[in-house]
Amino acid sequence: MVEFMSTDAYTSTCSKFERLCPRLVPKPLWGVSIAKLVRMKAGKLASLGLGVEVAEKLKNFWFSLPRGKCAVCGSKASDVDELWYYYMDAGRGVARLVSLRSLCSRCHLAKHIGRASEIGRFEEALKHLAEVNGITIQHARILLVGVYSIWEELSSINTWRVEISEGVLPEDIRVSVENALNRLLE
């Protein structure tokens, strides 16, 4: 059993993936993201308690984020990556959004290697993951065993809450967006 009471569940594995670490999203959290909120229509956002003004501020903020240079490999960035930490608190899972960063499509695919596998691009993602971390493909495969083990444990947790760290979003919308993400879990 992996110990992750007050620290990120992927900490030990990510210390071995030095530049880019795949943090697989636990199943109960699939579809819970800022990116999803940004793509939602006003009616759905309203049902989550996100008013028009907050929704507009969130969308404007999201689309104003820099996408110039990949934070991992330095190539041209195209995506905004949400960096989430997962841990346990009082018997339930906590997903904490700790930062937003620019990634190129290859690094983003490698970070979400579980999704890459679902869409038939696992080998491509694995190769890039190994390359960017300066390790062999075989070593990356071995390390991924640990990643998938952690993911299995996290996915078995039924009760989750979402938190957004201070400084990730503009403070005047952070709590409202956090509440909307938690409503997506209901």
N, C-alpha and C. Protein backbone atom coordinates (compact mmCIF):
# COMPACT_ATOMS: atom_id res chain seq x y z
N MET A 1 0.85 -1.18 0.00
CA MET A 1 0.00 0.00 0.00
C MET A 1 0.89 1.25 0.00
N VAL A 2 0.53 2.21 -0.82
CA VAL A 2 1.28 3.45 -0.91
C VAL A 2 0.83 4.40 0.19
N GLU A 3 1.76 5.05 0.85
CA GLU A 3 1.44 6.00 1.91
C GLU A 3 1.32 7.40 1.31
N PHE A 4 0.15 7.99 1.45
CA PHE A 4 -0.03 9.34 0.93
C PHE A 4 -1.03 10.12 1.78
N MET A 5 -0.78 10.16 3.06
CA MET A 5 -1.71 10.84 3.96
C MET A 5 -1.69 12.35 3.80
N SER A 6 -0.53 12.96 3.84
CA SER A 6 -0.49 14.42 3.79
C SER A 6 0.41 14.95 2.68
N THR A 7 0.98 14.06 1.91
CA THR A 7 1.81 14.48 0.79
C THR A 7 1.22 13.93 -0.50
N ASP A 8 1.64 14.48 -1.59
CA ASP A 8 1.16 14.03 -2.88
C ASP A 8 1.47 12.55 -3.08
N ALA A 9 0.49 11.82 -3.54
CA ALA A 9 0.63 10.37 -3.71
C ALA A 9 1.74 10.01 -4.70
N TYR A 10 2.00 10.88 -5.65
CA TYR A 10 3.00 10.58 -6.68
C TYR A 10 4.41 11.08 -6.35
N THR A 11 4.62 11.63 -5.16
CA THR A 11 5.92 12.23 -4.81
C THR A 11 7.09 11.28 -5.03
N SER A 12 7.01 10.07 -4.52
CA SER A 12 8.17 9.17 -4.63
C SER A 12 8.43 8.78 -6.09
N THR A 13 7.38 8.52 -6.84
CA THR A 13 7.55 8.17 -8.25
C THR A 13 8.07 9.36 -9.05
N CYS A 14 7.53 10.53 -8.76
CA CYS A 14 7.94 11.72 -9.52
C CYS A 14 9.38 12.12 -9.23
N SER A 15 9.93 11.65 -8.12
CA SER A 15 11.34 11.94 -7.86
C SER A 15 12.24 11.17 -8.83
N LYS A 16 11.69 10.13 -9.45
CA LYS A 16 12.45 9.33 -10.41
C LYS A 16 12.24 9.81 -11.85
N PHE A 17 11.08 10.40 -12.11
CA PHE A 17 10.82 11.07 -13.39
C PHE A 17 11.17 12.54 -13.13
N GLU A 18 12.41 12.91 -13.37
CA GLU A 18 12.92 14.20 -12.89
C GLU A 18 12.35 15.42 -13.60
N ARG A 19 12.02 15.32 -14.87
CA ARG A 19 11.55 16.50 -15.61
C ARG A 19 10.05 16.50 -15.87
N LEU A 20 9.51 15.33 -16.18
CA LEU A 20 8.09 15.21 -16.49
C LEU A 20 7.56 13.94 -15.87
N CYS A 21 6.59 14.10 -14.99
CA CYS A 21 6.05 12.95 -14.28
C CYS A 21 4.58 12.75 -14.66
N PRO A 22 4.24 11.54 -15.09
CA PRO A 22 2.83 11.27 -15.36
C PRO A 22 2.07 11.12 -14.04
N ARG A 23 1.09 11.96 -13.85
CA ARG A 23 0.22 11.88 -12.66
C ARG A 23 -1.15 11.48 -13.18
N LEU A 24 -1.45 10.19 -13.12
CA LEU A 24 -2.70 9.70 -13.66
C LEU A 24 -3.87 10.19 -12.81
N VAL A 25 -4.89 10.70 -13.47
CA VAL A 25 -6.06 11.24 -12.79
C VAL A 25 -6.91 10.09 -12.27
N PRO A 26 -7.20 10.06 -10.97
CA PRO A 26 -8.05 9.00 -10.43
C PRO A 26 -9.42 8.98 -11.12
N LYS A 27 -9.96 7.79 -11.34
CA LYS A 27 -11.23 7.65 -12.05
C LYS A 27 -12.34 8.56 -11.54
N PRO A 28 -12.54 8.67 -10.21
CA PRO A 28 -13.64 9.53 -9.75
C PRO A 28 -13.47 11.01 -10.14
N LEU A 29 -12.27 11.39 -10.57
CA LEU A 29 -12.00 12.79 -10.91
C LEU A 29 -11.96 13.04 -12.42
N TRP A 30 -12.20 12.00 -13.22
CA TRP A 30 -12.20 12.19 -14.66
C TRP A 30 -13.24 13.24 -15.03
N GLY A 31 -12.83 14.20 -15.78
CA GLY A 31 -13.75 15.26 -16.22
C GLY A 31 -13.88 16.42 -15.25
N VAL A 32 -13.11 16.41 -14.16
CA VAL A 32 -13.13 17.51 -13.21
C VAL A 32 -11.88 18.34 -13.45
N SER A 33 -12.05 19.47 -14.15
CA SER A 33 -10.89 20.30 -14.49
C SER A 33 -11.32 21.72 -14.84
N ILE A 34 -10.36 22.61 -14.76
CA ILE A 34 -10.60 23.99 -15.19
C ILE A 34 -10.90 23.99 -16.69
N ALA A 35 -10.14 23.20 -17.45
CA ALA A 35 -10.35 23.14 -18.90
C ALA A 35 -11.79 22.77 -19.23
N LYS A 36 -12.37 21.84 -18.47
CA LYS A 36 -13.77 21.46 -18.72
C LYS A 36 -14.70 22.63 -18.44
N LEU A 37 -14.47 23.33 -17.33
CA LEU A 37 -15.32 24.48 -17.01
C LEU A 37 -15.26 25.53 -18.12
N VAL A 38 -14.06 25.77 -18.63
CA VAL A 38 -13.87 26.78 -19.66
C VAL A 38 -14.66 26.44 -20.92
N ARG A 39 -14.82 25.16 -21.21
CA ARG A 39 -15.55 24.73 -22.41
C ARG A 39 -17.06 24.64 -22.23
N MET A 40 -17.54 24.73 -20.99
CA MET A 40 -18.98 24.58 -20.71
C MET A 40 -19.79 25.79 -21.16
N LYS A 41 -21.03 25.51 -21.47
CA LYS A 41 -21.99 26.56 -21.81
C LYS A 41 -22.46 27.25 -20.52
N ALA A 42 -22.96 28.46 -20.66
CA ALA A 42 -23.38 29.29 -19.52
C ALA A 42 -24.41 28.60 -18.64
N GLY A 43 -25.37 27.90 -19.24
CA GLY A 43 -26.41 27.23 -18.46
C GLY A 43 -25.85 26.16 -17.53
N LYS A 44 -24.94 25.37 -18.04
CA LYS A 44 -24.32 24.33 -17.22
C LYS A 44 -23.46 24.95 -16.12
N LEU A 45 -22.73 26.02 -16.46
CA LEU A 45 -21.92 26.71 -15.45
C LEU A 45 -22.82 27.28 -14.34
N ALA A 46 -23.96 27.82 -14.74
CA ALA A 46 -24.91 28.36 -13.75
C ALA A 46 -25.41 27.25 -12.83
N SER A 47 -25.65 26.06 -13.38
CA SER A 47 -26.11 24.95 -12.54
C SER A 47 -25.04 24.51 -11.54
N LEU A 48 -23.80 24.86 -11.81
CA LEU A 48 -22.70 24.56 -10.89
C LEU A 48 -22.43 25.72 -9.94
N GLY A 49 -23.26 26.77 -10.04
CA GLY A 49 -23.12 27.93 -9.15
C GLY A 49 -22.13 28.96 -9.64
N LEU A 50 -21.73 28.86 -10.89
CA LEU A 50 -20.78 29.82 -11.45
C LEU A 50 -21.55 30.85 -12.27
N GLY A 51 -21.61 32.05 -11.74
CA GLY A 51 -22.33 33.12 -12.42
C GLY A 51 -21.62 33.57 -13.68
N VAL A 52 -22.34 34.36 -14.48
CA VAL A 52 -21.82 34.84 -15.76
C VAL A 52 -20.52 35.62 -15.59
N GLU A 53 -20.47 36.49 -14.60
CA GLU A 53 -19.27 37.32 -14.40
C GLU A 53 -18.04 36.47 -14.06
N VAL A 54 -18.21 35.53 -13.15
CA VAL A 54 -17.10 34.66 -12.76
C VAL A 54 -16.69 33.77 -13.93
N ALA A 55 -17.68 33.24 -14.65
CA ALA A 55 -17.38 32.39 -15.80
C ALA A 55 -16.59 33.16 -16.86
N GLU A 56 -16.96 34.39 -17.11
CA GLU A 56 -16.24 35.21 -18.09
C GLU A 56 -14.82 35.50 -17.62
N LYS A 57 -14.67 35.82 -16.34
CA LYS A 57 -13.33 36.07 -15.80
C LYS A 57 -12.46 34.83 -15.93
N LEU A 58 -13.04 33.65 -15.64
CA LEU A 58 -12.29 32.40 -15.74
C LEU A 58 -11.86 32.17 -17.19
N LYS A 59 -12.78 32.31 -18.12
CA LYS A 59 -12.46 32.10 -19.53
C LYS A 59 -11.41 33.09 -20.02
N ASN A 60 -11.55 34.35 -19.66
CA ASN A 60 -10.56 35.36 -20.07
C ASN A 60 -9.20 35.05 -19.49
N PHE A 61 -9.17 34.63 -18.22
CA PHE A 61 -7.91 34.26 -17.58
C PHE A 61 -7.27 33.08 -18.31
N TRP A 62 -8.06 32.03 -18.55
CA TRP A 62 -7.57 30.81 -19.19
C TRP A 62 -6.96 31.11 -20.56
N PHE A 63 -7.68 31.87 -21.36
CA PHE A 63 -7.20 32.12 -22.72
C PHE A 63 -6.08 33.16 -22.77
N SER A 64 -5.85 33.84 -21.65
CA SER A 64 -4.73 34.79 -21.60
C SER A 64 -3.43 34.14 -21.10
N LEU A 65 -3.52 32.89 -20.64
CA LEU A 65 -2.31 32.21 -20.14
C LEU A 65 -1.30 32.03 -21.26
N PRO A 66 -0.03 32.21 -20.96
CA PRO A 66 1.00 32.07 -22.00
C PRO A 66 1.11 30.64 -22.50
N ARG A 67 1.28 30.52 -23.78
CA ARG A 67 1.45 29.21 -24.40
C ARG A 67 2.66 29.25 -25.33
N GLY A 68 3.67 30.03 -24.93
CA GLY A 68 4.83 30.22 -25.79
C GLY A 68 5.81 29.07 -25.79
N LYS A 69 6.34 28.73 -24.62
CA LYS A 69 7.42 27.75 -24.52
C LYS A 69 7.03 26.66 -23.52
N CYS A 70 7.27 25.42 -23.90
CA CYS A 70 6.96 24.29 -23.03
C CYS A 70 7.81 24.36 -21.76
N ALA A 71 7.16 24.25 -20.61
CA ALA A 71 7.85 24.32 -19.32
C ALA A 71 8.78 23.13 -19.09
N VAL A 72 8.61 22.06 -19.87
CA VAL A 72 9.43 20.87 -19.67
C VAL A 72 10.57 20.77 -20.68
N CYS A 73 10.23 20.80 -21.96
CA CYS A 73 11.25 20.53 -22.98
C CYS A 73 11.70 21.77 -23.74
N GLY A 74 11.01 22.89 -23.56
CA GLY A 74 11.42 24.13 -24.20
C GLY A 74 10.92 24.33 -25.62
N SER A 75 10.23 23.35 -26.18
CA SER A 75 9.71 23.52 -27.53
C SER A 75 8.45 24.40 -27.49
N LYS A 76 7.86 24.65 -28.65
CA LYS A 76 6.69 25.52 -28.71
C LYS A 76 5.52 24.87 -27.96
N ALA A 77 4.98 25.61 -27.03
CA ALA A 77 3.86 25.11 -26.23
C ALA A 77 2.54 25.35 -26.96
N SER A 78 1.60 24.47 -26.70
CA SER A 78 0.27 24.60 -27.29
C SER A 78 -0.83 24.40 -26.26
N ASP A 79 -0.51 23.82 -25.12
CA ASP A 79 -1.51 23.42 -24.14
C ASP A 79 -1.23 24.04 -22.78
N VAL A 80 -2.30 24.19 -22.01
CA VAL A 80 -2.18 24.56 -20.60
C VAL A 80 -2.38 23.29 -19.80
N ASP A 81 -1.43 22.98 -18.97
CA ASP A 81 -1.48 21.79 -18.13
C ASP A 81 -1.89 22.18 -16.72
N GLU A 82 -2.84 21.44 -16.18
CA GLU A 82 -3.25 21.62 -14.79
C GLU A 82 -2.45 20.62 -13.96
N LEU A 83 -1.63 21.11 -13.05
CA LEU A 83 -0.83 20.24 -12.20
C LEU A 83 -1.58 20.00 -10.89
N TRP A 84 -2.05 18.78 -10.73
CA TRP A 84 -2.83 18.39 -9.56
C TRP A 84 -1.99 17.48 -8.67
N TYR A 85 -2.13 17.68 -7.34
CA TYR A 85 -1.56 16.77 -6.35
C TYR A 85 -2.73 16.04 -5.71
N TYR A 86 -2.51 14.76 -5.40
CA TYR A 86 -3.55 13.92 -4.81
C TYR A 86 -3.06 13.37 -3.48
N TYR A 87 -3.91 13.47 -2.47
CA TYR A 87 -3.55 12.93 -1.17
C TYR A 87 -4.79 12.62 -0.35
N MET A 88 -4.60 12.09 0.84
CA MET A 88 -5.70 11.73 1.73
C MET A 88 -5.77 12.71 2.89
N ASP A 89 -6.99 13.00 3.31
CA ASP A 89 -7.22 13.84 4.48
C ASP A 89 -8.51 13.37 5.12
N ALA A 90 -8.43 12.96 6.37
CA ALA A 90 -9.59 12.50 7.14
C ALA A 90 -10.38 11.42 6.39
N GLY A 91 -9.67 10.49 5.77
CA GLY A 91 -10.30 9.36 5.12
C GLY A 91 -10.87 9.59 3.74
N ARG A 92 -10.69 10.78 3.21
CA ARG A 92 -11.17 11.01 1.85
C ARG A 92 -10.06 11.59 0.99
N GLY A 93 -10.24 11.45 -0.31
CA GLY A 93 -9.24 11.95 -1.24
C GLY A 93 -9.35 13.45 -1.41
N VAL A 94 -8.20 14.05 -1.60
CA VAL A 94 -8.13 15.49 -1.89
C VAL A 94 -7.33 15.65 -3.17
N ALA A 95 -7.90 16.40 -4.10
CA ALA A 95 -7.21 16.76 -5.33
C ALA A 95 -6.94 18.25 -5.24
N ARG A 96 -5.67 18.63 -5.22
CA ARG A 96 -5.31 20.04 -5.09
C ARG A 96 -4.63 20.51 -6.37
N LEU A 97 -5.23 21.51 -6.99
CA LEU A 97 -4.62 22.14 -8.16
C LEU A 97 -3.54 23.08 -7.65
N VAL A 98 -2.29 22.78 -8.02
CA VAL A 98 -1.17 23.56 -7.48
C VAL A 98 -0.56 24.53 -8.47
N SER A 99 -0.77 24.30 -9.77
CA SER A 99 -0.26 25.27 -10.74
C SER A 99 -0.83 25.00 -12.13
N LEU A 100 -0.66 25.98 -12.98
CA LEU A 100 -0.97 25.89 -14.40
C LEU A 100 0.33 26.19 -15.13
N ARG A 101 0.62 25.42 -16.16
CA ARG A 101 1.86 25.64 -16.89
C ARG A 101 1.65 25.31 -18.37
N SER A 102 2.50 25.88 -19.20
CA SER A 102 2.45 25.62 -20.63
C SER A 102 3.22 24.35 -20.96
N LEU A 103 2.60 23.51 -21.78
CA LEU A 103 3.27 22.30 -22.26
C LEU A 103 3.07 22.19 -23.77
N CYS A 104 4.03 21.56 -24.41
CA CYS A 104 3.85 21.22 -25.82
C CYS A 104 2.91 20.01 -25.88
N SER A 105 2.40 19.73 -27.04
CA SER A 105 1.45 18.62 -27.17
C SER A 105 2.10 17.27 -26.83
N ARG A 106 3.39 17.11 -27.13
CA ARG A 106 4.07 15.84 -26.82
C ARG A 106 4.26 15.64 -25.32
N CYS A 107 4.68 16.69 -24.61
CA CYS A 107 4.82 16.58 -23.16
C CYS A 107 3.46 16.39 -22.49
N HIS A 108 2.44 17.07 -23.00
CA HIS A 108 1.11 16.93 -22.43
C HIS A 108 0.59 15.50 -22.62
N LEU A 109 0.82 14.94 -23.80
CA LEU A 109 0.43 13.56 -24.05
C LEU A 109 1.17 12.61 -23.10
N ALA A 110 2.47 12.82 -22.94
CA ALA A 110 3.27 11.95 -22.07
C ALA A 110 2.84 12.08 -20.61
N LYS A 111 2.50 13.29 -20.18
CA LYS A 111 2.05 13.47 -18.80
C LYS A 111 0.76 12.71 -18.57
N HIS A 112 -0.09 12.69 -19.58
CA HIS A 112 -1.37 11.97 -19.48
C HIS A 112 -1.27 10.64 -20.23
N ILE A 113 -0.28 9.84 -19.83
CA ILE A 113 0.02 8.60 -20.55
C ILE A 113 -1.11 7.58 -20.45
N GLY A 114 -1.91 7.66 -19.40
CA GLY A 114 -3.08 6.79 -19.31
C GLY A 114 -4.07 7.10 -20.42
N ARG A 115 -4.31 8.36 -20.65
CA ARG A 115 -5.19 8.79 -21.74
C ARG A 115 -4.57 8.43 -23.09
N ALA A 116 -3.25 8.62 -23.20
CA ALA A 116 -2.55 8.27 -24.43
C ALA A 116 -2.77 6.79 -24.76
N SER A 117 -2.75 5.95 -23.75
CA SER A 117 -2.99 4.53 -23.94
C SER A 117 -4.40 4.28 -24.47
N GLU A 118 -5.38 5.00 -23.91
CA GLU A 118 -6.77 4.83 -24.33
C GLU A 118 -6.98 5.20 -25.79
N ILE A 119 -6.21 6.15 -26.29
CA ILE A 119 -6.42 6.62 -27.67
C ILE A 119 -5.39 6.03 -28.64
N GLY A 120 -4.67 5.00 -28.19
CA GLY A 120 -3.75 4.30 -29.08
C GLY A 120 -2.43 4.99 -29.32
N ARG A 121 -2.02 5.86 -28.39
CA ARG A 121 -0.77 6.60 -28.58
C ARG A 121 0.22 6.35 -27.42
N PHE A 122 0.08 5.21 -26.76
CA PHE A 122 0.93 4.90 -25.61
C PHE A 122 2.41 4.88 -25.97
N GLU A 123 2.78 4.18 -27.03
CA GLU A 123 4.19 4.05 -27.38
C GLU A 123 4.81 5.41 -27.69
N GLU A 124 4.08 6.26 -28.38
CA GLU A 124 4.55 7.62 -28.67
C GLU A 124 4.77 8.40 -27.38
N ALA A 125 3.81 8.31 -26.47
CA ALA A 125 3.93 9.01 -25.19
C ALA A 125 5.08 8.45 -24.36
N LEU A 126 5.21 7.13 -24.34
CA LEU A 126 6.29 6.48 -23.59
C LEU A 126 7.65 6.91 -24.10
N LYS A 127 7.81 6.92 -25.41
CA LYS A 127 9.09 7.32 -26.00
C LYS A 127 9.44 8.76 -25.60
N HIS A 128 8.47 9.65 -25.67
CA HIS A 128 8.74 11.05 -25.31
C HIS A 128 9.02 11.17 -23.81
N LEU A 129 8.27 10.44 -22.99
CA LEU A 129 8.48 10.46 -21.54
C LEU A 129 9.91 10.04 -21.20
N ALA A 130 10.37 8.98 -21.82
CA ALA A 130 11.74 8.51 -21.59
C ALA A 130 12.75 9.54 -22.08
N GLU A 131 12.54 10.04 -23.27
CA GLU A 131 13.47 11.01 -23.87
C GLU A 131 13.60 12.27 -23.02
N VAL A 132 12.49 12.85 -22.63
CA VAL A 132 12.54 14.11 -21.90
C VAL A 132 13.11 13.94 -20.49
N ASN A 133 12.98 12.73 -19.93
CA ASN A 133 13.54 12.46 -18.60
C ASN A 133 14.95 11.90 -18.65
N GLY A 134 15.46 11.65 -19.85
CA GLY A 134 16.82 11.14 -19.98
C GLY A 134 16.99 9.73 -19.46
N ILE A 135 15.96 8.90 -19.65
CA ILE A 135 16.02 7.51 -19.20
C ILE A 135 15.67 6.60 -20.38
N THR A 136 15.93 5.32 -20.23
CA THR A 136 15.59 4.38 -21.29
C THR A 136 14.08 4.11 -21.29
N ILE A 137 13.61 3.63 -22.41
CA ILE A 137 12.19 3.27 -22.49
C ILE A 137 11.88 2.16 -21.49
N GLN A 138 12.80 1.21 -21.35
CA GLN A 138 12.60 0.11 -20.39
C GLN A 138 12.50 0.64 -18.96
N HIS A 139 13.36 1.58 -18.61
CA HIS A 139 13.30 2.16 -17.26
C HIS A 139 11.99 2.90 -17.06
N ALA A 140 11.55 3.63 -18.07
CA ALA A 140 10.26 4.33 -17.99
C ALA A 140 9.12 3.33 -17.78
N ARG A 141 9.16 2.21 -18.49
CA ARG A 141 8.12 1.17 -18.32
C ARG A 141 8.09 0.67 -16.88
N ILE A 142 9.28 0.44 -16.32
CA ILE A 142 9.37 -0.05 -14.93
C ILE A 142 8.79 0.98 -13.97
N LEU A 143 9.15 2.25 -14.16
CA LEU A 143 8.63 3.30 -13.29
C LEU A 143 7.11 3.46 -13.43
N LEU A 144 6.60 3.22 -14.62
CA LEU A 144 5.15 3.34 -14.83
C LEU A 144 4.36 2.29 -14.06
N VAL A 145 4.98 1.17 -13.74
CA VAL A 145 4.31 0.17 -12.91
C VAL A 145 3.90 0.82 -11.58
N GLY A 146 4.81 1.59 -11.00
CA GLY A 146 4.51 2.30 -9.75
C GLY A 146 3.43 3.35 -9.93
N VAL A 147 3.49 4.07 -11.05
CA VAL A 147 2.48 5.10 -11.34
C VAL A 147 1.09 4.46 -11.41
N TYR A 148 0.99 3.37 -12.14
CA TYR A 148 -0.31 2.70 -12.28
C TYR A 148 -0.79 2.10 -10.95
N SER A 149 0.13 1.66 -10.13
CA SER A 149 -0.24 1.13 -8.81
C SER A 149 -0.84 2.24 -7.94
N ILE A 150 -0.23 3.39 -7.96
CA ILE A 150 -0.74 4.54 -7.21
C ILE A 150 -2.11 4.92 -7.75
N TRP A 151 -2.24 4.95 -9.07
CA TRP A 151 -3.51 5.31 -9.69
C TRP A 151 -4.63 4.35 -9.26
N GLU A 152 -4.32 3.06 -9.19
CA GLU A 152 -5.32 2.08 -8.76
C GLU A 152 -5.81 2.40 -7.35
N GLU A 153 -4.88 2.70 -6.46
CA GLU A 153 -5.26 3.05 -5.09
C GLU A 153 -6.09 4.31 -5.04
N LEU A 154 -5.65 5.33 -5.75
CA LEU A 154 -6.39 6.59 -5.77
C LEU A 154 -7.79 6.39 -6.37
N SER A 155 -7.87 5.58 -7.40
CA SER A 155 -9.16 5.35 -8.07
C SER A 155 -10.14 4.57 -7.19
N SER A 156 -9.63 3.89 -6.18
CA SER A 156 -10.52 3.12 -5.28
C SER A 156 -11.15 4.01 -4.20
N ILE A 157 -10.70 5.24 -4.09
CA ILE A 157 -11.26 6.18 -3.11
C ILE A 157 -12.56 6.74 -3.69
N ASN A 158 -13.64 6.64 -2.92
CA ASN A 158 -14.94 7.06 -3.42
C ASN A 158 -15.28 8.51 -3.14
N THR A 159 -14.76 9.07 -2.08
CA THR A 159 -15.13 10.43 -1.68
C THR A 159 -13.94 11.36 -1.88
N TRP A 160 -14.15 12.39 -2.68
CA TRP A 160 -13.10 13.34 -3.02
C TRP A 160 -13.58 14.77 -2.80
N ARG A 161 -12.62 15.64 -2.58
CA ARG A 161 -12.90 17.07 -2.62
C ARG A 161 -11.77 17.73 -3.42
N VAL A 162 -12.09 18.86 -4.02
CA VAL A 162 -11.15 19.61 -4.84
C VAL A 162 -10.75 20.87 -4.10
N GLU A 163 -9.48 21.20 -4.17
CA GLU A 163 -8.96 22.45 -3.62
C GLU A 163 -8.12 23.12 -4.70
N ILE A 164 -8.13 24.44 -4.70
CA ILE A 164 -7.26 25.19 -5.61
C ILE A 164 -6.33 26.03 -4.75
N SER A 165 -5.05 25.81 -4.90
CA SER A 165 -4.06 26.56 -4.12
C SER A 165 -4.13 28.05 -4.46
N GLU A 166 -3.83 28.86 -3.47
CA GLU A 166 -3.77 30.30 -3.68
C GLU A 166 -2.72 30.61 -4.74
N GLY A 167 -3.01 31.58 -5.57
CA GLY A 167 -2.07 32.01 -6.59
C GLY A 167 -2.23 31.30 -7.93
N VAL A 168 -3.04 30.24 -7.98
CA VAL A 168 -3.24 29.52 -9.24
C VAL A 168 -4.22 30.29 -10.14
N LEU A 169 -5.30 30.75 -9.54
CA LEU A 169 -6.32 31.54 -10.24
C LEU A 169 -6.40 32.91 -9.60
N PRO A 170 -6.98 33.88 -10.30
CA PRO A 170 -7.21 35.18 -9.65
C PRO A 170 -8.03 34.97 -8.38
N GLU A 171 -7.63 35.63 -7.32
CA GLU A 171 -8.24 35.39 -6.02
C GLU A 171 -9.74 35.69 -6.00
N ASP A 172 -10.20 36.63 -6.82
CA ASP A 172 -11.62 36.98 -6.80
C ASP A 172 -12.52 35.92 -7.42
N ILE A 173 -11.94 34.89 -8.06
CA ILE A 173 -12.76 33.81 -8.62
C ILE A 173 -12.36 32.43 -8.10
N ARG A 174 -11.26 32.34 -7.38
CA ARG A 174 -10.71 31.03 -6.96
C ARG A 174 -11.73 30.19 -6.19
N VAL A 175 -12.35 30.74 -5.17
CA VAL A 175 -13.26 29.95 -4.34
C VAL A 175 -14.50 29.54 -5.13
N SER A 176 -15.02 30.42 -5.96
CA SER A 176 -16.20 30.08 -6.78
C SER A 176 -15.88 28.94 -7.74
N VAL A 177 -14.71 28.98 -8.36
CA VAL A 177 -14.31 27.93 -9.28
C VAL A 177 -14.09 26.62 -8.51
N GLU A 178 -13.45 26.70 -7.36
CA GLU A 178 -13.25 25.52 -6.52
C GLU A 178 -14.60 24.88 -6.17
N ASN A 179 -15.57 25.70 -5.79
CA ASN A 179 -16.90 25.18 -5.45
C ASN A 179 -17.56 24.52 -6.66
N ALA A 180 -17.42 25.12 -7.83
CA ALA A 180 -18.00 24.54 -9.05
C ALA A 180 -17.36 23.20 -9.36
N LEU A 181 -16.04 23.09 -9.21
CA LEU A 181 -15.37 21.81 -9.44
C LEU A 181 -15.87 20.74 -8.46
N ASN A 182 -16.08 21.14 -7.22
CA ASN A 182 -16.61 20.19 -6.23
C ASN A 182 -18.03 19.76 -6.59
N ARG A 183 -18.81 20.65 -7.16
CA ARG A 183 -20.17 20.28 -7.59
C ARG A 183 -20.13 19.28 -8.76
N LEU A 184 -19.08 19.33 -9.58
CA LEU A 184 -18.93 18.34 -10.64
C LEU A 184 -18.77 16.93 -10.06
N LEU A 185 -18.28 16.84 -8.84
CA LEU A 185 -18.08 15.54 -8.19
C LEU A 185 -19.37 14.93 -7.67
N GLU A 186 -20.40 15.75 -7.52
CA GLU A 186 -21.67 15.26 -6.93
C GLU A 186 -22.43 14.37 -7.87
